Structure formats: C-alpha cells, structure tokens
Amino acid sequence: MTLTATLPAATLVPEQPATGHARRLIGDLLLDLRLGAWTPTTLEQRVAGILTVSAAGAGTLTSGHVRRALWEGTLTMTQENGARFATVLAHLVPLLDDPELSAPDVAAAAVELLAAVDHG
C-alpha cells in the first residue's frame, strides 16, 4: 500500500492597490535618485536620516516613525522638490498601519530608499 500526501493549493491573495502604488512610488524615486534625476533637499536628507535611525533602533519602520518625520518637515517638504519624498512617506503610513496592506518587500524598499536619501 502506498500513501500519497498532497498539499492544499496555495491561495493567492490579490495585492491591494495601495500596496502596489506605494511600491511604484518608492521604486521610481529610488531610481531617479540613483540616476541623478532627483536630488533630495537638506530637509529631506535630515528626515530620511531620522527615519533610518528609528527603523534601525526598532528593527522595522513604523507608521509612528513616519508620522513624526512628516511632522518635522510638514509644509516645506510638500512645497519643495516636487513633494515626491513627502508623497512616498504619506503613502507608507496606511501600509504600515494595516497588516493586510503591508508587504515585507515594500517596507524593505522604503528603508533602502531612506538610506539612499540620507546619504544624498
């Protein structure tokens, strides 16, 4: 007698639109930074530095970290440099708040972006 075990088929959960949008924003800004098409302001570098240190200390980037960082540069970051960095941060908050929206690769890409912006 032979026994055959089968695993249930994996259920693929479709990605939430907010997750995909944040992933694209992060990727586009990181690419533009690396290609020299976008250069962070001093304030954006400072905020990225704060977030990089916060994420390293906590072991992950949290919505609280991002909210505090956005508060640091509220008006200026939304009016300078096309507001691209502030837009990315704003799109991260709901993803970090809601486990159903978050994806580990998005958080990792965000931390990579923050480190790159911090180092200008």
C-alpha atoms as a PDB file:
ATOM      1  CA  MET A   1       0.000   0.000   0.000  1.00  0.00           C
ATOM      2  CA  THR A   2       1.322   3.417  -0.965  1.00  0.00           C
ATOM      3  CA  LEU A   3       0.281   6.636   0.701  1.00  0.00           C
ATOM      4  CA  THR A   4       0.381   9.850  -1.204  1.00  0.00           C
ATOM      5  CA  ALA A   5       0.152  13.160   0.582  1.00  0.00           C
ATOM      6  CA  THR A   6      -0.933  16.256  -1.221  1.00  0.00           C
ATOM      7  CA  LEU A   7      -0.716  19.811  -0.084  1.00  0.00           C
ATOM      8  CA  PRO A   8      -3.666  22.110  -0.491  1.00  0.00           C
ATOM      9  CA  ALA A   9      -3.323  24.581  -3.312  1.00  0.00           C
ATOM     10  CA  ALA A  10      -1.827  27.884  -2.238  1.00  0.00           C
ATOM     11  CA  THR A  11      -4.323  30.661  -2.061  1.00  0.00           C
ATOM     12  CA  LEU A  12      -3.061  33.791  -3.728  1.00  0.00           C
ATOM     13  CA  VAL A  13      -4.339  36.946  -2.175  1.00  0.00           C
ATOM     14  CA  PRO A  14      -4.502  39.793  -4.662  1.00  0.00           C
ATOM     15  CA  GLU A  15      -2.324  42.748  -3.800  1.00  0.00           C
ATOM     16  CA  GLN A  16      -4.129  45.817  -2.522  1.00  0.00           C
ATOM     17  CA  PRO A  17      -3.909  48.815  -4.898  1.00  0.00           C
ATOM     18  CA  ALA A  18      -2.356  50.966  -2.148  1.00  0.00           C
ATOM     19  CA  THR A  19       0.479  48.475  -1.749  1.00  0.00           C
ATOM     20  CA  GLY A  20       1.282  48.412  -5.441  1.00  0.00           C
ATOM     21  CA  HIS A  21       1.068  52.184  -5.679  1.00  0.00           C
ATOM     22  CA  ALA A  22       3.478  52.682  -2.772  1.00  0.00           C
ATOM     23  CA  ARG A  23       5.857  50.094  -4.265  1.00  0.00           C
ATOM     24  CA  ARG A  24       5.888  52.006  -7.577  1.00  0.00           C
ATOM     25  CA  LEU A  25       6.408  55.392  -5.877  1.00  0.00           C
ATOM     26  CA  ILE A  26       9.332  54.048  -3.859  1.00  0.00           C
ATOM     27  CA  GLY A  27      10.898  52.350  -6.866  1.00  0.00           C
ATOM     28  CA  ASP A  28      10.504  55.370  -9.131  1.00  0.00           C
ATOM     29  CA  LEU A  29      12.002  57.776  -6.610  1.00  0.00           C
ATOM     30  CA  LEU A  30      14.893  55.445  -5.793  1.00  0.00           C
ATOM     31  CA  LEU A  31      15.644  55.001  -9.489  1.00  0.00           C
ATOM     32  CA  ASP A  32      15.524  58.759 -10.125  1.00  0.00           C
ATOM     33  CA  LEU A  33      17.827  59.339  -7.146  1.00  0.00           C
ATOM     34  CA  ARG A  34      20.337  56.795  -8.411  1.00  0.00           C
ATOM     35  CA  LEU A  35      20.212  58.210 -11.942  1.00  0.00           C
ATOM     36  CA  GLY A  36      20.591  61.783 -10.701  1.00  0.00           C
ATOM     37  CA  ALA A  37      17.166  62.842 -11.996  1.00  0.00           C
ATOM     38  CA  TRP A  38      16.055  63.720  -8.449  1.00  0.00           C
ATOM     39  CA  THR A  39      18.186  65.152  -5.664  1.00  0.00           C
ATOM     40  CA  PRO A  40      16.928  65.366  -2.077  1.00  0.00           C
ATOM     41  CA  THR A  41      16.885  68.660  -0.245  1.00  0.00           C
ATOM     42  CA  THR A  42      18.752  69.097   3.037  1.00  0.00           C
ATOM     43  CA  LEU A  43      15.461  68.713   4.917  1.00  0.00           C
ATOM     44  CA  GLU A  44      14.589  65.509   3.045  1.00  0.00           C
ATOM     45  CA  GLN A  45      18.025  64.126   3.888  1.00  0.00           C
ATOM     46  CA  ARG A  46      17.534  65.050   7.551  1.00  0.00           C
ATOM     47  CA  VAL A  47      14.108  63.387   7.685  1.00  0.00           C
ATOM     48  CA  ALA A  48      15.464  60.294   5.909  1.00  0.00           C
ATOM     49  CA  GLY A  49      18.285  60.147   8.447  1.00  0.00           C
ATOM     50  CA  ILE A  50      15.845  60.330  11.354  1.00  0.00           C
ATOM     51  CA  LEU A  51      13.759  57.541   9.833  1.00  0.00           C
ATOM     52  CA  THR A  52      16.795  55.384   9.087  1.00  0.00           C
ATOM     53  CA  VAL A  53      17.954  55.599  12.701  1.00  0.00           C
ATOM     54  CA  SER A  54      14.413  54.990  14.001  1.00  0.00           C
ATOM     55  CA  ALA A  55      13.937  51.945  11.796  1.00  0.00           C
ATOM     56  CA  ALA A  56      17.299  50.501  12.808  1.00  0.00           C
ATOM     57  CA  GLY A  57      16.565  51.029  16.504  1.00  0.00           C
ATOM     58  CA  ALA A  58      13.108  49.453  16.334  1.00  0.00           C
ATOM     59  CA  GLY A  59      14.074  46.761  13.855  1.00  0.00           C
ATOM     60  CA  THR A  60      11.450  47.986  11.415  1.00  0.00           C
ATOM     61  CA  LEU A  61       9.908  51.130  10.027  1.00  0.00           C
ATOM     62  CA  THR A  62       6.642  52.022  11.762  1.00  0.00           C
ATOM     63  CA  SER A  63       3.798  54.379  10.898  1.00  0.00           C
ATOM     64  CA  GLY A  64       4.590  56.331  14.085  1.00  0.00           C
ATOM     65  CA  HIS A  65       8.126  56.956  12.851  1.00  0.00           C
ATOM     66  CA  VAL A  66       6.841  58.182   9.503  1.00  0.00           C
ATOM     67  CA  ARG A  67       4.160  60.404  11.058  1.00  0.00           C
ATOM     68  CA  ARG A  68       6.717  62.084  13.340  1.00  0.00           C
ATOM     69  CA  ALA A  69       9.111  62.567  10.439  1.00  0.00           C
ATOM     70  CA  LEU A  70       6.392  64.086   8.269  1.00  0.00           C
ATOM     71  CA  TRP A  71       5.560  66.455  11.097  1.00  0.00           C
ATOM     72  CA  GLU A  72       9.209  67.551  11.148  1.00  0.00           C
ATOM     73  CA  GLY A  73       9.044  68.893   7.611  1.00  0.00           C
ATOM     74  CA  THR A  74       5.312  69.260   7.058  1.00  0.00           C
ATOM     75  CA  LEU A  75       4.910  72.369   4.955  1.00  0.00           C
ATOM     76  CA  THR A  76       8.350  72.659   3.432  1.00  0.00           C
ATOM     77  CA  MET A  77       8.510  69.060   2.197  1.00  0.00           C
ATOM     78  CA  THR A  78       5.144  69.404   0.479  1.00  0.00           C
ATOM     79  CA  GLN A  79       6.165  72.562  -1.368  1.00  0.00           C
ATOM     80  CA  GLU A  80       9.767  71.879  -2.355  1.00  0.00           C
ATOM     81  CA  ASN A  81      11.355  69.431  -4.755  1.00  0.00           C
ATOM     82  CA  GLY A  82       8.066  68.281  -6.260  1.00  0.00           C
ATOM     83  CA  ALA A  83       6.935  66.869  -2.890  1.00  0.00           C
ATOM     84  CA  ARG A  84       7.964  63.420  -4.105  1.00  0.00           C
ATOM     85  CA  PHE A  85       9.632  62.320  -0.875  1.00  0.00           C
ATOM     86  CA  ALA A  86       6.724  63.541   1.265  1.00  0.00           C
ATOM     87  CA  THR A  87       4.301  61.758  -1.080  1.00  0.00           C
ATOM     88  CA  VAL A  88       6.162  58.461  -0.679  1.00  0.00           C
ATOM     89  CA  LEU A  89       6.147  58.854   3.114  1.00  0.00           C
ATOM     90  CA  ALA A  90       2.445  59.712   3.157  1.00  0.00           C
ATOM     91  CA  HIS A  91       1.624  56.588   1.126  1.00  0.00           C
ATOM     92  CA  LEU A  92       3.630  54.433   3.528  1.00  0.00           C
ATOM     93  CA  VAL A  93       1.609  55.346   6.641  1.00  0.00           C
ATOM     94  CA  PRO A  94      -1.551  53.342   5.822  1.00  0.00           C
ATOM     95  CA  LEU A  95       0.542  50.362   4.721  1.00  0.00           C
ATOM     96  CA  LEU A  96       2.449  50.345   7.983  1.00  0.00           C
ATOM     97  CA  ASP A  97      -0.786  50.743   9.966  1.00  0.00           C
ATOM     98  CA  ASP A  98      -2.701  47.892   8.333  1.00  0.00           C
ATOM     99  CA  PRO A  99      -1.195  44.393   8.224  1.00  0.00           C
ATOM    100  CA  GLU A 100      -3.479  43.489   5.292  1.00  0.00           C
ATOM    101  CA  LEU A 101      -1.902  46.231   3.199  1.00  0.00           C
ATOM    102  CA  SER A 102       1.698  45.824   4.238  1.00  0.00           C
ATOM    103  CA  ALA A 103       4.151  43.752   2.297  1.00  0.00           C
ATOM    104  CA  PRO A 104       7.652  42.997   3.585  1.00  0.00           C
ATOM    105  CA  ASP A 105       9.270  43.996   0.300  1.00  0.00           C
ATOM    106  CA  VAL A 106       7.626  47.439   0.428  1.00  0.00           C
ATOM    107  CA  ALA A 107       8.960  48.127   3.918  1.00  0.00           C
ATOM    108  CA  ALA A 108      12.406  46.879   2.890  1.00  0.00           C
ATOM    109  CA  ALA A 109      12.351  49.049  -0.246  1.00  0.00           C
ATOM    110  CA  ALA A 110      11.294  52.029   1.860  1.00  0.00           C
ATOM    111  CA  VAL A 111      14.222  51.525   4.230  1.00  0.00           C
ATOM    112  CA  GLU A 112      16.554  51.233   1.233  1.00  0.00           C
ATOM    113  CA  LEU A 113      15.161  54.492  -0.157  1.00  0.00           C
ATOM    114  CA  LEU A 114      15.569  56.220   3.205  1.00  0.00           C
ATOM    115  CA  ALA A 115      19.200  55.168   3.467  1.00  0.00           C
ATOM    116  CA  ALA A 116      19.869  56.362  -0.076  1.00  0.00           C
ATOM    117  CA  VAL A 117      18.172  59.730   0.531  1.00  0.00           C
ATOM    118  CA  ASP A 118      20.027  60.112   3.830  1.00  0.00           C
ATOM    119  CA  HIS A 119      23.325  59.751   2.007  1.00  0.00           C
ATOM    120  CA  GLY A 120      22.136  62.011  -0.811  1.00  0.00           C
END
